[in-house]
Amino acid sequence: MTARITLFSRPGCHLCDDAREVIRRVAEDLGVSWEERDITLSAADMREYWDKIPVTLVDGVQHDFWRVSEARLRSALTAPAGR
């Protein structure tokens, strides 16, 4: 199963900790899968995301960065396809 939510993070990032909790809560409530990727494990991810983390993708499209809005995340995950 492909994760609907992807969180790009790095160790020691307090905003990442906050984002992880929001994502965990929303994913559990809505029954969707999510994954977390540590940007320090990939040079490409470091170049792309180092100054934006945490970065959240929904269905492979960037959704939020720095902060995760629970309301916006829920809305994105429950919106009709193609919206």
N, C-alpha and C. Protein backbone atom coordinates (compact mmCIF):
# COMPACT_ATOMS: atom_id res chain seq x y z
N MET A 1 0.84 -1.18 0.00
CA MET A 1 0.00 0.00 0.00
C MET A 1 0.89 1.25 0.00
N THR A 2 0.57 2.19 -0.83
CA THR A 2 1.31 3.44 -0.88
C THR A 2 0.78 4.39 0.19
N ALA A 3 1.70 5.01 0.91
CA ALA A 3 1.31 5.94 1.97
C ALA A 3 0.65 7.17 1.36
N ARG A 4 -0.44 7.61 1.95
CA ARG A 4 -1.11 8.83 1.50
C ARG A 4 -0.39 10.07 1.99
N ILE A 5 0.25 9.97 3.17
CA ILE A 5 0.95 11.11 3.76
C ILE A 5 2.43 10.74 3.88
N THR A 6 3.29 11.68 3.49
CA THR A 6 4.72 11.53 3.69
C THR A 6 5.21 12.73 4.48
N LEU A 7 5.95 12.46 5.53
CA LEU A 7 6.56 13.51 6.34
C LEU A 7 8.07 13.47 6.13
N PHE A 8 8.64 14.55 5.64
CA PHE A 8 10.09 14.69 5.54
C PHE A 8 10.54 15.40 6.80
N SER A 9 11.49 14.80 7.50
CA SER A 9 11.93 15.33 8.79
C SER A 9 13.42 15.08 8.97
N ARG A 10 13.93 15.50 10.12
CA ARG A 10 15.31 15.17 10.50
C ARG A 10 15.35 15.05 12.02
N PRO A 11 16.31 14.31 12.53
CA PRO A 11 16.44 14.15 13.98
C PRO A 11 16.69 15.50 14.66
N GLY A 12 16.11 15.66 15.85
CA GLY A 12 16.34 16.86 16.64
C GLY A 12 15.50 18.06 16.24
N CYS A 13 14.55 17.87 15.35
CA CYS A 13 13.71 18.97 14.85
C CYS A 13 12.41 19.01 15.66
N HIS A 14 12.25 20.06 16.48
CA HIS A 14 11.04 20.13 17.32
C HIS A 14 9.78 20.35 16.49
N LEU A 15 9.88 21.06 15.37
CA LEU A 15 8.72 21.23 14.50
C LEU A 15 8.32 19.89 13.88
N CYS A 16 9.31 19.05 13.60
CA CYS A 16 9.04 17.71 13.07
C CYS A 16 8.29 16.88 14.10
N ASP A 17 8.68 17.01 15.36
CA ASP A 17 7.98 16.29 16.43
C ASP A 17 6.52 16.71 16.48
N ASP A 18 6.27 18.02 16.38
CA ASP A 18 4.89 18.53 16.39
C ASP A 18 4.12 18.00 15.18
N ALA A 19 4.73 18.05 14.00
CA ALA A 19 4.08 17.59 12.77
C ALA A 19 3.75 16.10 12.86
N ARG A 20 4.68 15.33 13.38
CA ARG A 20 4.48 13.88 13.51
C ARG A 20 3.24 13.58 14.35
N GLU A 21 3.05 14.30 15.42
CA GLU A 21 1.89 14.07 16.29
C GLU A 21 0.58 14.40 15.57
N VAL A 22 0.56 15.51 14.83
CA VAL A 22 -0.64 15.88 14.08
C VAL A 22 -0.93 14.81 13.02
N ILE A 23 0.09 14.42 12.28
CA ILE A 23 -0.09 13.42 11.22
C ILE A 23 -0.54 12.09 11.81
N ARG A 24 0.08 11.67 12.88
CA ARG A 24 -0.30 10.40 13.52
C ARG A 24 -1.78 10.42 13.91
N ARG A 25 -2.22 11.51 14.52
CA ARG A 25 -3.61 11.63 14.98
C ARG A 25 -4.58 11.60 13.79
N VAL A 26 -4.29 12.40 12.77
CA VAL A 26 -5.19 12.48 11.60
C VAL A 26 -5.21 11.15 10.85
N ALA A 27 -4.06 10.56 10.63
CA ALA A 27 -3.99 9.29 9.91
C ALA A 27 -4.76 8.20 10.64
N GLU A 28 -4.61 8.16 11.95
CA GLU A 28 -5.34 7.16 12.74
C GLU A 28 -6.84 7.40 12.67
N ASP A 29 -7.26 8.65 12.82
CA ASP A 29 -8.69 8.98 12.77
C ASP A 29 -9.32 8.62 11.43
N LEU A 30 -8.59 8.87 10.34
CA LEU A 30 -9.13 8.66 9.01
C LEU A 30 -8.78 7.31 8.40
N GLY A 31 -7.94 6.56 9.08
CA GLY A 31 -7.57 5.25 8.57
C GLY A 31 -6.70 5.29 7.32
N VAL A 32 -5.82 6.29 7.24
CA VAL A 32 -4.92 6.38 6.09
C VAL A 32 -3.49 6.06 6.53
N SER A 33 -2.69 5.63 5.57
CA SER A 33 -1.31 5.27 5.88
C SER A 33 -0.41 6.50 5.74
N TRP A 34 0.71 6.44 6.47
CA TRP A 34 1.69 7.52 6.37
C TRP A 34 3.07 6.94 6.58
N GLU A 35 4.05 7.70 6.10
CA GLU A 35 5.45 7.31 6.25
C GLU A 35 6.27 8.54 6.61
N GLU A 36 7.41 8.30 7.20
CA GLU A 36 8.32 9.39 7.55
C GLU A 36 9.67 9.11 6.90
N ARG A 37 10.25 10.16 6.30
CA ARG A 37 11.56 10.03 5.67
C ARG A 37 12.52 11.03 6.31
N ASP A 38 13.64 10.52 6.78
CA ASP A 38 14.70 11.32 7.38
C ASP A 38 15.53 11.91 6.25
N ILE A 39 15.50 13.23 6.10
CA ILE A 39 16.22 13.85 4.99
C ILE A 39 17.72 13.72 5.09
N THR A 40 18.23 13.43 6.29
CA THR A 40 19.69 13.32 6.45
C THR A 40 20.23 12.03 5.82
N LEU A 41 19.35 11.14 5.40
CA LEU A 41 19.78 9.88 4.78
C LEU A 41 19.89 9.97 3.27
N SER A 42 19.54 11.12 2.70
CA SER A 42 19.56 11.28 1.24
C SER A 42 20.07 12.68 0.87
N ALA A 43 21.11 12.72 0.07
CA ALA A 43 21.66 14.01 -0.38
C ALA A 43 20.61 14.79 -1.17
N ALA A 44 19.82 14.09 -1.97
CA ALA A 44 18.78 14.77 -2.77
C ALA A 44 17.72 15.37 -1.86
N ASP A 45 17.29 14.61 -0.85
CA ASP A 45 16.29 15.15 0.10
C ASP A 45 16.86 16.33 0.88
N MET A 46 18.14 16.26 1.27
CA MET A 46 18.77 17.39 1.97
C MET A 46 18.74 18.65 1.11
N ARG A 47 19.11 18.51 -0.16
CA ARG A 47 19.11 19.67 -1.06
C ARG A 47 17.71 20.25 -1.21
N GLU A 48 16.73 19.39 -1.34
CA GLU A 48 15.36 19.83 -1.60
C GLU A 48 14.65 20.40 -0.38
N TYR A 49 14.87 19.79 0.79
CA TYR A 49 14.01 20.09 1.93
C TYR A 49 14.70 20.68 3.16
N TRP A 50 16.02 20.81 3.19
CA TRP A 50 16.71 21.17 4.43
C TRP A 50 16.19 22.44 5.08
N ASP A 51 15.78 23.42 4.30
CA ASP A 51 15.33 24.70 4.88
C ASP A 51 13.82 24.80 5.03
N LYS A 52 13.10 23.70 4.75
CA LYS A 52 11.63 23.73 4.79
C LYS A 52 11.04 22.76 5.81
N ILE A 53 11.85 21.87 6.38
CA ILE A 53 11.28 20.81 7.20
C ILE A 53 10.59 21.34 8.45
N PRO A 54 9.59 20.64 8.89
CA PRO A 54 9.03 19.44 8.29
C PRO A 54 8.23 19.78 7.04
N VAL A 55 8.28 18.90 6.07
CA VAL A 55 7.51 19.03 4.84
C VAL A 55 6.54 17.85 4.78
N THR A 56 5.29 18.16 4.47
CA THR A 56 4.26 17.14 4.37
C THR A 56 3.77 17.04 2.94
N LEU A 57 3.72 15.81 2.43
CA LEU A 57 3.15 15.53 1.12
C LEU A 57 1.87 14.74 1.32
N VAL A 58 0.87 15.02 0.50
CA VAL A 58 -0.35 14.23 0.47
C VAL A 58 -0.48 13.68 -0.94
N ASP A 59 -0.51 12.37 -1.03
CA ASP A 59 -0.56 11.69 -2.33
C ASP A 59 0.56 12.16 -3.26
N GLY A 60 1.75 12.37 -2.68
CA GLY A 60 2.93 12.73 -3.45
C GLY A 60 3.06 14.19 -3.82
N VAL A 61 2.13 15.03 -3.39
CA VAL A 61 2.15 16.46 -3.70
C VAL A 61 2.41 17.24 -2.41
N GLN A 62 3.34 18.20 -2.48
CA GLN A 62 3.65 18.99 -1.28
C GLN A 62 2.39 19.68 -0.78
N HIS A 63 2.15 19.51 0.51
CA HIS A 63 0.93 20.04 1.13
C HIS A 63 1.25 21.18 2.10
N ASP A 64 2.20 20.97 2.99
CA ASP A 64 2.58 21.97 4.00
C ASP A 64 4.08 21.90 4.23
N PHE A 65 4.63 22.97 4.81
CA PHE A 65 5.99 22.94 5.31
C PHE A 65 6.05 23.82 6.54
N TRP A 66 7.06 23.58 7.38
CA TRP A 66 7.27 24.22 8.68
C TRP A 66 6.23 23.82 9.72
N ARG A 67 4.98 24.00 9.43
CA ARG A 67 3.90 23.64 10.37
C ARG A 67 2.85 22.82 9.62
N VAL A 68 2.22 21.90 10.32
CA VAL A 68 1.15 21.11 9.73
C VAL A 68 -0.16 21.54 10.37
N SER A 69 -1.07 22.01 9.53
CA SER A 69 -2.40 22.38 9.99
C SER A 69 -3.28 21.13 9.99
N GLU A 70 -3.77 20.77 11.16
CA GLU A 70 -4.62 19.58 11.24
C GLU A 70 -5.86 19.73 10.38
N ALA A 71 -6.48 20.90 10.41
CA ALA A 71 -7.70 21.12 9.62
C ALA A 71 -7.42 21.00 8.12
N ARG A 72 -6.34 21.61 7.66
CA ARG A 72 -5.99 21.53 6.23
C ARG A 72 -5.65 20.10 5.81
N LEU A 73 -4.96 19.38 6.68
CA LEU A 73 -4.60 18.00 6.37
C LEU A 73 -5.85 17.13 6.28
N ARG A 74 -6.74 17.27 7.23
CA ARG A 74 -8.00 16.51 7.19
C ARG A 74 -8.78 16.83 5.92
N SER A 75 -8.84 18.10 5.59
CA SER A 75 -9.58 18.52 4.39
C SER A 75 -8.97 17.90 3.12
N ALA A 76 -7.66 17.93 3.03
CA ALA A 76 -6.99 17.37 1.84
C ALA A 76 -7.24 15.87 1.71
N LEU A 77 -7.31 15.19 2.84
CA LEU A 77 -7.48 13.73 2.81
C LEU A 77 -8.92 13.30 2.60
N THR A 78 -9.86 14.20 2.84
CA THR A 78 -11.27 13.84 2.68
C THR A 78 -11.90 14.50 1.46
N ALA A 79 -11.15 15.32 0.74
CA ALA A 79 -11.68 15.99 -0.45
C ALA A 79 -11.93 14.97 -1.55
N PRO A 80 -12.95 15.20 -2.37
CA PRO A 80 -13.19 14.30 -3.50
C PRO A 80 -11.99 14.30 -4.45
N ALA A 81 -11.72 13.19 -5.07
CA ALA A 81 -10.61 13.08 -6.03
C ALA A 81 -10.78 14.10 -7.14
N GLY A 82 -9.66 14.69 -7.56
CA GLY A 82 -9.69 15.65 -8.65
C GLY A 82 -10.01 17.07 -8.24
N ARG A 83 -10.24 17.27 -6.96
CA ARG A 83 -10.57 18.61 -6.49
C ARG A 83 -9.36 19.47 -6.35
